[in-house]
C-alpha atoms as a PDB file:
ATOM      1  CA  MET A   1      73.469 194.584 100.537  1.00  0.00           C
ATOM      2  CA  ILE A   2      74.132 194.352  96.814  1.00  0.00           C
ATOM      3  CA  ASN A   3      70.941 194.707  94.714  1.00  0.00           C
ATOM      4  CA  GLY A   4      70.590 191.561  92.405  1.00  0.00           C
ATOM      5  CA  ALA A   5      68.320 193.123  90.194  1.00  0.00           C
ATOM      6  CA  ARG A   6      70.648 196.108  89.227  1.00  0.00           C
ATOM      7  CA  VAL A   7      73.634 193.199  89.249  1.00  0.00           C
ATOM      8  CA  ARG A   8      71.633 191.155  86.570  1.00  0.00           C
ATOM      9  CA  GLU A   9      70.823 194.585  84.511  1.00  0.00           C
ATOM     10  CA  TYR A  10      74.209 195.713  84.081  1.00  0.00           C
ATOM     11  CA  ARG A  11      75.669 192.017  83.600  1.00  0.00           C
ATOM     12  CA  LYS A  12      72.914 191.772  80.727  1.00  0.00           C
ATOM     13  CA  ARG A  13      73.633 195.300  79.253  1.00  0.00           C
ATOM     14  CA  LEU A  14      77.650 193.934  78.987  1.00  0.00           C
ATOM     15  CA  LYS A  15      76.074 190.786  77.284  1.00  0.00           C
ATOM     16  CA  LEU A  16      78.096 188.457  80.252  1.00  0.00           C
ATOM     17  CA  THR A  17      76.685 185.412  81.395  1.00  0.00           C
ATOM     18  CA  GLN A  18      76.672 184.481  85.033  1.00  0.00           C
ATOM     19  CA  GLY A  19      79.893 182.092  84.351  1.00  0.00           C
ATOM     20  CA  GLN A  20      81.768 184.845  82.697  1.00  0.00           C
ATOM     21  CA  LEU A  21      81.025 187.442  85.415  1.00  0.00           C
ATOM     22  CA  GLY A  22      81.956 184.945  87.906  1.00  0.00           C
ATOM     23  CA  GLN A  23      85.466 184.220  86.012  1.00  0.00           C
ATOM     24  CA  LEU A  24      86.035 188.096  85.818  1.00  0.00           C
ATOM     25  CA  ILE A  25      85.764 188.402  89.611  1.00  0.00           C
ATOM     26  CA  GLY A  26      87.052 185.235  90.948  1.00  0.00           C
ATOM     27  CA  VAL A  27      83.496 183.203  91.980  1.00  0.00           C
ATOM     28  CA  SER A  28      81.439 180.619  90.782  1.00  0.00           C
ATOM     29  CA  GLN A  29      78.317 181.042  88.561  1.00  0.00           C
ATOM     30  CA  GLY A  30      76.613 179.432  91.566  1.00  0.00           C
ATOM     31  CA  LYS A  31      77.396 182.395  93.623  1.00  0.00           C
ATOM     32  CA  ILE A  32      76.207 185.269  91.218  1.00  0.00           C
ATOM     33  CA  CYS A  33      73.115 183.248  90.391  1.00  0.00           C
ATOM     34  CA  LYS A  34      72.460 183.753  94.437  1.00  0.00           C
ATOM     35  CA  LEU A  35      73.762 187.269  94.487  1.00  0.00           C
ATOM     36  CA  GLU A  36      71.212 187.866  91.575  1.00  0.00           C
ATOM     37  CA  LYS A  37      68.455 186.492  93.435  1.00  0.00           C
ATOM     38  CA  GLN A  38      69.306 188.045  96.718  1.00  0.00           C
ATOM     39  CA  ARG A  39      69.986 184.681  98.452  1.00  0.00           C
ATOM     40  CA  GLN A  40      73.376 185.645  99.431  1.00  0.00           C
ATOM     41  CA  ASP A  41      75.157 188.967 100.736  1.00  0.00           C
ATOM     42  CA  THR A  42      78.830 189.671  99.728  1.00  0.00           C
ATOM     43  CA  GLY A  43      81.634 191.447 101.225  1.00  0.00           C
ATOM     44  CA  ILE A  44      83.177 194.338 100.120  1.00  0.00           C
ATOM     45  CA  ALA A  45      86.209 192.674  98.297  1.00  0.00           C
ATOM     46  CA  ILE A  46      83.478 191.064  96.026  1.00  0.00           C
ATOM     47  CA  ALA A  47      81.352 194.202  96.047  1.00  0.00           C
ATOM     48  CA  GLU A  48      84.406 196.439  94.557  1.00  0.00           C
ATOM     49  CA  ARG A  49      85.119 193.431  91.813  1.00  0.00           C
ATOM     50  CA  LEU A  50      81.735 193.325  90.907  1.00  0.00           C
ATOM     51  CA  ARG A  51      81.581 197.182  90.558  1.00  0.00           C
ATOM     52  CA  TRP A  52      84.860 196.952  88.389  1.00  0.00           C
ATOM     53  CA  ALA A  53      83.508 193.925  86.191  1.00  0.00           C
ATOM     54  CA  LEU A  54      80.343 195.959  85.624  1.00  0.00           C
ATOM     55  CA  ARG A  55      82.129 199.078  84.867  1.00  0.00           C
ATOM     56  CA  ARG A  56      79.920 201.069  87.410  1.00  0.00           C
ATOM     57  CA  PRO A  57      81.560 204.590  88.763  1.00  0.00           C
ATOM     58  CA  GLY A  58      80.648 203.523  92.213  1.00  0.00           C
ATOM     59  CA  LEU A  59      79.316 200.896  94.513  1.00  0.00           C
ATOM     60  CA  ASP A  60      76.194 203.024  94.881  1.00  0.00           C
ATOM     61  CA  ASP A  61      75.070 201.917  91.768  1.00  0.00           C
ATOM     62  CA  LEU A  62      74.987 198.207  93.159  1.00  0.00           C
ATOM     63  CA  LEU A  63      72.982 199.007  96.433  1.00  0.00           C
END
């Protein structure tokens, strides 16, 4: 499961809004909100796009 607090932390470091991050990876702002609040898990494809958009070297940074 993706660690929502880490997603939020990395997103804020990059000065991205939830909407901007969603646009980068092809999901809605609402989906990013749910991920950050741990209310929704995601598949590997979206996890990989999150890793790329948040400039993380590996998925372990988001778990």
